[in-house]
Amino acid sequence: MKKVFLDSDILLDALLKRPKFDLPALNLLALANQSDIIAITSSIAFMNVHYFLNKYDRQRKMQLLKTLRSIIRIMEIGEDEIDMAFNSNFSDFEDAVQYCCAVHARADVIITRNLEDYKHSNLPVMTAEQFLKTL
């Protein structure tokens, strides 16, 4: 079974129903919900999602986050990921931390809309659409 690391943008595409991007993101979450893939993200990405769900009232926001949490696994960011990120070739520190979290989680692929952010990745990096075409 494939273990996929979902970047914040994919989660936000699904939850905010961003046009053009929401259906592939929602399809990934549906696959994870059906246990066809293992979807993971970092604790930082989960917090970023919380922050950007401002358009919803607190009750709706918490409902969305609880549903998301029931579908995906959340990996903690610790000293190892931070230290690894310091020593990476990534220009953006947050992307480096996300990448290091994916590596430590033994993800098979990173799913993001911003492929350029992960140009130094040793893991395969795909958009949601690209990944869905591989299944």
N, C-alpha and C. Protein backbone atom coordinates (compact mmCIF):
# COMPACT_ATOMS: atom_id res chain seq x y z
N MET A 1 0.84 -1.18 0.00
CA MET A 1 0.00 0.00 0.00
C MET A 1 0.89 1.24 0.00
N LYS A 2 0.55 2.19 -0.85
CA LYS A 2 1.34 3.43 -0.96
C LYS A 2 1.10 4.33 0.25
N LYS A 3 2.22 4.89 0.73
CA LYS A 3 2.17 5.89 1.80
C LYS A 3 2.47 7.24 1.17
N VAL A 4 1.50 8.14 1.20
CA VAL A 4 1.65 9.43 0.54
C VAL A 4 1.68 10.55 1.58
N PHE A 5 2.63 11.45 1.40
CA PHE A 5 2.74 12.62 2.26
C PHE A 5 2.00 13.76 1.58
N LEU A 6 0.98 14.30 2.24
CA LEU A 6 0.18 15.38 1.68
C LEU A 6 0.65 16.72 2.22
N ASP A 7 1.06 17.58 1.31
CA ASP A 7 1.48 18.93 1.68
C ASP A 7 0.24 19.75 2.04
N SER A 8 0.44 20.83 2.74
CA SER A 8 -0.67 21.69 3.19
C SER A 8 -1.57 22.12 2.06
N ASP A 9 -0.98 22.44 0.91
CA ASP A 9 -1.80 22.96 -0.19
C ASP A 9 -2.83 21.94 -0.66
N ILE A 10 -2.51 20.67 -0.61
CA ILE A 10 -3.45 19.63 -1.02
C ILE A 10 -4.61 19.56 -0.03
N LEU A 11 -4.31 19.61 1.25
CA LEU A 11 -5.35 19.58 2.27
C LEU A 11 -6.25 20.81 2.16
N LEU A 12 -5.64 21.96 1.92
CA LEU A 12 -6.43 23.19 1.79
C LEU A 12 -7.26 23.18 0.51
N ASP A 13 -6.73 22.62 -0.56
CA ASP A 13 -7.51 22.51 -1.80
C ASP A 13 -8.80 21.75 -1.54
N ALA A 14 -8.70 20.67 -0.78
CA ALA A 14 -9.87 19.85 -0.49
C ALA A 14 -10.84 20.57 0.44
N LEU A 15 -10.34 21.08 1.55
CA LEU A 15 -11.22 21.65 2.57
C LEU A 15 -11.80 23.01 2.18
N LEU A 16 -11.05 23.78 1.41
CA LEU A 16 -11.55 25.10 0.98
C LEU A 16 -12.23 25.03 -0.38
N LYS A 17 -12.28 23.83 -0.95
CA LYS A 17 -12.92 23.60 -2.24
C LYS A 17 -12.42 24.59 -3.30
N ARG A 18 -11.10 24.62 -3.42
CA ARG A 18 -10.47 25.52 -4.39
C ARG A 18 -10.73 25.01 -5.81
N PRO A 19 -11.33 25.86 -6.65
CA PRO A 19 -11.64 25.45 -8.02
C PRO A 19 -10.40 24.93 -8.76
N LYS A 20 -10.60 23.93 -9.58
CA LYS A 20 -9.57 23.25 -10.38
C LYS A 20 -8.71 22.29 -9.57
N PHE A 21 -8.62 22.50 -8.28
CA PHE A 21 -7.71 21.69 -7.47
C PHE A 21 -8.44 20.81 -6.45
N ASP A 22 -9.69 21.12 -6.17
CA ASP A 22 -10.38 20.42 -5.09
C ASP A 22 -10.70 18.96 -5.39
N LEU A 23 -11.11 18.64 -6.61
CA LEU A 23 -11.52 17.26 -6.90
C LEU A 23 -10.37 16.26 -6.76
N PRO A 24 -9.19 16.53 -7.33
CA PRO A 24 -8.10 15.57 -7.11
C PRO A 24 -7.73 15.43 -5.62
N ALA A 25 -7.74 16.54 -4.90
CA ALA A 25 -7.41 16.50 -3.47
C ALA A 25 -8.47 15.70 -2.71
N LEU A 26 -9.72 15.93 -3.02
CA LEU A 26 -10.81 15.18 -2.38
C LEU A 26 -10.73 13.70 -2.73
N ASN A 27 -10.35 13.39 -3.97
CA ASN A 27 -10.19 11.98 -4.37
C ASN A 27 -9.09 11.30 -3.58
N LEU A 28 -8.00 12.01 -3.32
CA LEU A 28 -6.92 11.45 -2.49
C LEU A 28 -7.42 11.14 -1.08
N LEU A 29 -8.16 12.08 -0.51
CA LEU A 29 -8.69 11.86 0.84
C LEU A 29 -9.69 10.71 0.85
N ALA A 30 -10.48 10.59 -0.21
CA ALA A 30 -11.43 9.47 -0.30
C ALA A 30 -10.68 8.14 -0.35
N LEU A 31 -9.59 8.09 -1.11
CA LEU A 31 -8.78 6.87 -1.17
C LEU A 31 -8.21 6.53 0.21
N ALA A 32 -7.75 7.54 0.92
CA ALA A 32 -7.22 7.32 2.26
C ALA A 32 -8.32 6.84 3.20
N ASN A 33 -9.50 7.41 3.06
CA ASN A 33 -10.63 7.02 3.90
C ASN A 33 -11.04 5.57 3.64
N GLN A 34 -10.86 5.11 2.40
CA GLN A 34 -11.20 3.73 2.03
C GLN A 34 -10.03 2.78 2.30
N SER A 35 -8.94 3.30 2.83
CA SER A 35 -7.74 2.53 3.13
C SER A 35 -7.05 1.99 1.88
N ASP A 36 -7.22 2.67 0.74
CA ASP A 36 -6.50 2.29 -0.48
C ASP A 36 -5.09 2.87 -0.49
N ILE A 37 -4.89 3.94 0.25
CA ILE A 37 -3.57 4.54 0.44
C ILE A 37 -3.46 4.95 1.90
N ILE A 38 -2.24 5.15 2.36
CA ILE A 38 -2.01 5.71 3.69
C ILE A 38 -1.61 7.16 3.48
N ALA A 39 -2.44 8.07 3.95
CA ALA A 39 -2.17 9.50 3.81
C ALA A 39 -1.59 10.03 5.12
N ILE A 40 -0.49 10.75 4.99
CA ILE A 40 0.14 11.35 6.17
C ILE A 40 0.43 12.81 5.89
N THR A 41 0.57 13.56 6.94
CA THR A 41 1.03 14.94 6.86
C THR A 41 1.77 15.25 8.15
N SER A 42 2.33 16.43 8.23
CA SER A 42 3.07 16.81 9.44
C SER A 42 2.15 17.59 10.38
N SER A 43 2.56 17.65 11.63
CA SER A 43 1.80 18.44 12.60
C SER A 43 1.80 19.92 12.19
N ILE A 44 2.86 20.38 11.57
CA ILE A 44 2.91 21.78 11.11
C ILE A 44 1.90 22.00 10.00
N ALA A 45 1.82 21.08 9.06
CA ALA A 45 0.84 21.21 7.97
C ALA A 45 -0.58 21.22 8.54
N PHE A 46 -0.83 20.37 9.52
CA PHE A 46 -2.16 20.32 10.13
C PHE A 46 -2.50 21.66 10.78
N MET A 47 -1.53 22.25 11.45
CA MET A 47 -1.74 23.57 12.08
C MET A 47 -1.93 24.66 11.02
N ASN A 48 -1.19 24.57 9.92
CA ASN A 48 -1.37 25.53 8.83
C ASN A 48 -2.79 25.47 8.27
N VAL A 49 -3.29 24.26 8.12
CA VAL A 49 -4.66 24.08 7.64
C VAL A 49 -5.64 24.74 8.59
N HIS A 50 -5.46 24.51 9.88
CA HIS A 50 -6.32 25.15 10.88
C HIS A 50 -6.33 26.66 10.69
N TYR A 51 -5.16 27.24 10.53
CA TYR A 51 -5.04 28.69 10.38
C TYR A 51 -5.82 29.21 9.17
N PHE A 52 -5.75 28.50 8.05
CA PHE A 52 -6.36 28.98 6.82
C PHE A 52 -7.85 28.65 6.69
N LEU A 53 -8.41 27.96 7.65
CA LEU A 53 -9.84 27.69 7.62
C LEU A 53 -10.65 28.82 8.26
N ASN A 54 -10.14 30.03 8.19
CA ASN A 54 -10.76 31.20 8.82
C ASN A 54 -12.17 31.48 8.33
N LYS A 55 -12.48 31.09 7.11
CA LYS A 55 -13.80 31.43 6.56
C LYS A 55 -14.93 30.67 7.25
N TYR A 56 -14.58 29.64 8.00
CA TYR A 56 -15.58 28.85 8.71
C TYR A 56 -15.67 29.28 10.17
N ASP A 57 -16.86 29.11 10.76
CA ASP A 57 -16.96 29.37 12.19
C ASP A 57 -16.25 28.26 12.95
N ARG A 58 -16.05 28.47 14.23
CA ARG A 58 -15.24 27.55 15.02
C ARG A 58 -15.79 26.12 14.98
N GLN A 59 -17.09 25.97 15.10
CA GLN A 59 -17.68 24.64 15.11
C GLN A 59 -17.44 23.91 13.79
N ARG A 60 -17.65 24.60 12.67
CA ARG A 60 -17.43 23.98 11.36
C ARG A 60 -15.96 23.66 11.16
N LYS A 61 -15.08 24.57 11.58
CA LYS A 61 -13.64 24.35 11.46
C LYS A 61 -13.21 23.11 12.22
N MET A 62 -13.68 22.97 13.45
CA MET A 62 -13.31 21.81 14.26
C MET A 62 -13.87 20.52 13.66
N GLN A 63 -15.08 20.60 13.11
CA GLN A 63 -15.67 19.42 12.46
C GLN A 63 -14.82 18.98 11.27
N LEU A 64 -14.39 19.94 10.45
CA LEU A 64 -13.55 19.62 9.29
C LEU A 64 -12.21 19.02 9.73
N LEU A 65 -11.61 19.62 10.75
CA LEU A 65 -10.32 19.12 11.22
C LEU A 65 -10.43 17.72 11.84
N LYS A 66 -11.50 17.46 12.56
CA LYS A 66 -11.70 16.13 13.14
C LYS A 66 -11.90 15.09 12.04
N THR A 67 -12.64 15.46 11.02
CA THR A 67 -12.84 14.54 9.90
C THR A 67 -11.51 14.27 9.21
N LEU A 68 -10.76 15.34 8.94
CA LEU A 68 -9.46 15.19 8.32
C LEU A 68 -8.56 14.30 9.17
N ARG A 69 -8.55 14.52 10.46
CA ARG A 69 -7.72 13.74 11.37
C ARG A 69 -8.10 12.26 11.35
N SER A 70 -9.37 11.96 11.15
CA SER A 70 -9.80 10.56 11.12
C SER A 70 -9.34 9.85 9.85
N ILE A 71 -8.95 10.62 8.84
CA ILE A 71 -8.56 10.06 7.55
C ILE A 71 -7.05 9.95 7.39
N ILE A 72 -6.32 10.93 7.93
CA ILE A 72 -4.88 10.97 7.72
C ILE A 72 -4.12 10.78 9.02
N ARG A 73 -2.89 10.34 8.87
CA ARG A 73 -1.98 10.23 10.01
C ARG A 73 -1.18 11.52 10.11
N ILE A 74 -0.89 11.93 11.33
CA ILE A 74 -0.14 13.16 11.54
C ILE A 74 1.19 12.81 12.19
N MET A 75 2.26 13.20 11.51
CA MET A 75 3.60 12.93 12.00
C MET A 75 4.11 14.15 12.78
N GLU A 76 4.68 13.90 13.93
CA GLU A 76 5.24 14.99 14.72
C GLU A 76 6.56 15.46 14.12
N ILE A 77 6.82 16.73 14.32
CA ILE A 77 8.09 17.32 13.92
C ILE A 77 8.96 17.40 15.17
N GLY A 78 10.13 16.82 15.09
CA GLY A 78 11.03 16.81 16.24
C GLY A 78 12.41 17.31 15.88
N GLU A 79 13.31 17.10 16.79
CA GLU A 79 14.69 17.55 16.61
C GLU A 79 15.33 16.97 15.36
N ASP A 80 15.09 15.69 15.11
CA ASP A 80 15.71 15.04 13.95
C ASP A 80 15.29 15.72 12.64
N GLU A 81 14.00 16.00 12.51
CA GLU A 81 13.51 16.64 11.28
C GLU A 81 14.06 18.06 11.14
N ILE A 82 14.10 18.78 12.24
CA ILE A 82 14.63 20.15 12.21
C ILE A 82 16.11 20.14 11.85
N ASP A 83 16.89 19.27 12.49
CA ASP A 83 18.32 19.20 12.20
C ASP A 83 18.58 18.77 10.76
N MET A 84 17.81 17.81 10.29
CA MET A 84 17.95 17.37 8.90
C MET A 84 17.62 18.52 7.94
N ALA A 85 16.60 19.29 8.28
CA ALA A 85 16.20 20.43 7.43
C ALA A 85 17.30 21.49 7.37
N PHE A 86 17.97 21.72 8.50
CA PHE A 86 19.08 22.68 8.52
C PHE A 86 20.17 22.28 7.52
N ASN A 87 20.37 21.00 7.36
CA ASN A 87 21.45 20.50 6.51
C ASN A 87 21.01 20.18 5.09
N SER A 88 19.79 20.54 4.73
CA SER A 88 19.28 20.23 3.40
C SER A 88 19.63 21.34 2.41
N ASN A 89 19.36 21.06 1.14
CA ASN A 89 19.58 22.05 0.08
C ASN A 89 18.34 22.88 -0.22
N PHE A 90 17.29 22.69 0.56
CA PHE A 90 16.05 23.44 0.33
C PHE A 90 16.25 24.91 0.67
N SER A 91 15.72 25.78 -0.17
CA SER A 91 15.83 27.22 0.10
C SER A 91 14.77 27.67 1.11
N ASP A 92 13.64 27.00 1.16
CA ASP A 92 12.56 27.34 2.08
C ASP A 92 12.60 26.36 3.26
N PHE A 93 12.76 26.89 4.45
CA PHE A 93 12.94 26.04 5.63
C PHE A 93 11.69 25.19 5.91
N GLU A 94 10.51 25.78 5.79
CA GLU A 94 9.29 25.01 6.06
C GLU A 94 9.17 23.83 5.10
N ASP A 95 9.47 24.05 3.81
CA ASP A 95 9.45 22.94 2.85
C ASP A 95 10.48 21.88 3.22
N ALA A 96 11.63 22.32 3.69
CA ALA A 96 12.66 21.37 4.12
C ALA A 96 12.16 20.52 5.28
N VAL A 97 11.50 21.15 6.23
CA VAL A 97 10.98 20.42 7.38
C VAL A 97 9.91 19.43 6.93
N GLN A 98 9.04 19.86 6.03
CA GLN A 98 7.99 18.97 5.51
C GLN A 98 8.65 17.76 4.83
N TYR A 99 9.64 18.04 4.00
CA TYR A 99 10.35 16.97 3.30
C TYR A 99 10.97 15.98 4.30
N CYS A 100 11.64 16.51 5.31
CA CYS A 100 12.29 15.64 6.30
C CYS A 100 11.27 14.81 7.07
N CYS A 101 10.12 15.38 7.32
CA CYS A 101 9.04 14.63 7.96
C CYS A 101 8.59 13.48 7.05
N ALA A 102 8.46 13.75 5.75
CA ALA A 102 8.06 12.71 4.79
C ALA A 102 9.10 11.60 4.74
N VAL A 103 10.37 11.98 4.78
CA VAL A 103 11.45 10.99 4.76
C VAL A 103 11.38 10.11 6.00
N HIS A 104 11.25 10.73 7.17
CA HIS A 104 11.21 9.96 8.41
C HIS A 104 9.95 9.10 8.53
N ALA A 105 8.89 9.51 7.87
CA ALA A 105 7.66 8.72 7.86
C ALA A 105 7.72 7.59 6.84
N ARG A 106 8.81 7.57 6.08
CA ARG A 106 9.00 6.57 5.01
C ARG A 106 7.89 6.65 3.95
N ALA A 107 7.57 7.89 3.59
CA ALA A 107 6.57 8.10 2.54
C ALA A 107 7.12 7.61 1.20
N ASP A 108 6.23 7.12 0.37
CA ASP A 108 6.61 6.69 -0.98
C ASP A 108 6.64 7.86 -1.95
N VAL A 109 5.86 8.89 -1.66
CA VAL A 109 5.74 10.03 -2.56
C VAL A 109 5.23 11.24 -1.77
N ILE A 110 5.63 12.42 -2.22
CA ILE A 110 5.12 13.67 -1.67
C ILE A 110 4.11 14.22 -2.68
N ILE A 111 2.92 14.56 -2.20
CA ILE A 111 1.89 15.12 -3.06
C ILE A 111 1.76 16.60 -2.71
N THR A 112 1.95 17.44 -3.72
CA THR A 112 1.90 18.88 -3.54
C THR A 112 1.48 19.52 -4.85
N ARG A 113 1.04 20.75 -4.77
CA ARG A 113 0.77 21.51 -5.99
C ARG A 113 2.00 22.31 -6.41
N ASN A 114 2.93 22.45 -5.50
CA ASN A 114 4.12 23.27 -5.74
C ASN A 114 5.34 22.37 -5.91
N LEU A 115 5.45 21.75 -7.07
CA LEU A 115 6.54 20.82 -7.34
C LEU A 115 7.91 21.47 -7.18
N GLU A 116 8.01 22.71 -7.57
CA GLU A 116 9.29 23.43 -7.52
C GLU A 116 9.82 23.52 -6.08
N ASP A 117 8.90 23.56 -5.11
CA ASP A 117 9.32 23.65 -3.70
C ASP A 117 10.13 22.44 -3.26
N TYR A 118 9.95 21.33 -3.97
CA TYR A 118 10.61 20.08 -3.59
C TYR A 118 11.61 19.60 -4.63
N LYS A 119 12.21 20.53 -5.34
CA LYS A 119 13.14 20.15 -6.41
C LYS A 119 14.37 19.41 -5.89
N HIS A 120 14.67 19.54 -4.61
CA HIS A 120 15.83 18.84 -4.03
C HIS A 120 15.44 17.53 -3.35
N SER A 121 14.21 17.11 -3.53
CA SER A 121 13.70 15.90 -2.89
C SER A 121 14.31 14.65 -3.52
N ASN A 122 14.64 13.70 -2.68
CA ASN A 122 15.05 12.37 -3.15
C ASN A 122 13.85 11.44 -3.27
N LEU A 123 12.70 11.88 -2.76
CA LEU A 123 11.46 11.14 -2.91
C LEU A 123 10.75 11.62 -4.17
N PRO A 124 9.96 10.77 -4.80
CA PRO A 124 9.15 11.26 -5.92
C PRO A 124 8.19 12.34 -5.43
N VAL A 125 7.98 13.34 -6.24
CA VAL A 125 7.08 14.45 -5.92
C VAL A 125 6.10 14.59 -7.07
N MET A 126 4.82 14.62 -6.76
CA MET A 126 3.78 14.69 -7.79
C MET A 126 2.66 15.60 -7.35
N THR A 127 1.91 16.07 -8.33
CA THR A 127 0.65 16.74 -8.01
C THR A 127 -0.38 15.66 -7.71
N ALA A 128 -1.49 16.06 -7.18
CA ALA A 128 -2.56 15.09 -6.90
C ALA A 128 -3.02 14.43 -8.20
N GLU A 129 -3.15 15.22 -9.25
CA GLU A 129 -3.58 14.67 -10.54
C GLU A 129 -2.60 13.64 -11.06
N GLN A 130 -1.31 13.96 -10.98
CA GLN A 130 -0.29 13.03 -11.45
C GLN A 130 -0.33 11.72 -10.67
N PHE A 131 -0.45 11.83 -9.36
CA PHE A 131 -0.48 10.62 -8.53
C PHE A 131 -1.69 9.76 -8.85
N LEU A 132 -2.85 10.37 -8.98
CA LEU A 132 -4.07 9.61 -9.26
C LEU A 132 -3.98 8.85 -10.57
N LYS A 133 -3.24 9.40 -11.54
CA LYS A 133 -3.06 8.72 -12.82
C LYS A 133 -2.18 7.48 -12.70
N THR A 134 -1.40 7.38 -11.62
CA THR A 134 -0.52 6.21 -11.45
C THR A 134 -1.25 5.02 -10.85
N LEU A 135 -2.46 5.24 -10.36
CA LEU A 135 -3.21 4.15 -9.69
C LEU A 135 -3.96 3.29 -10.68
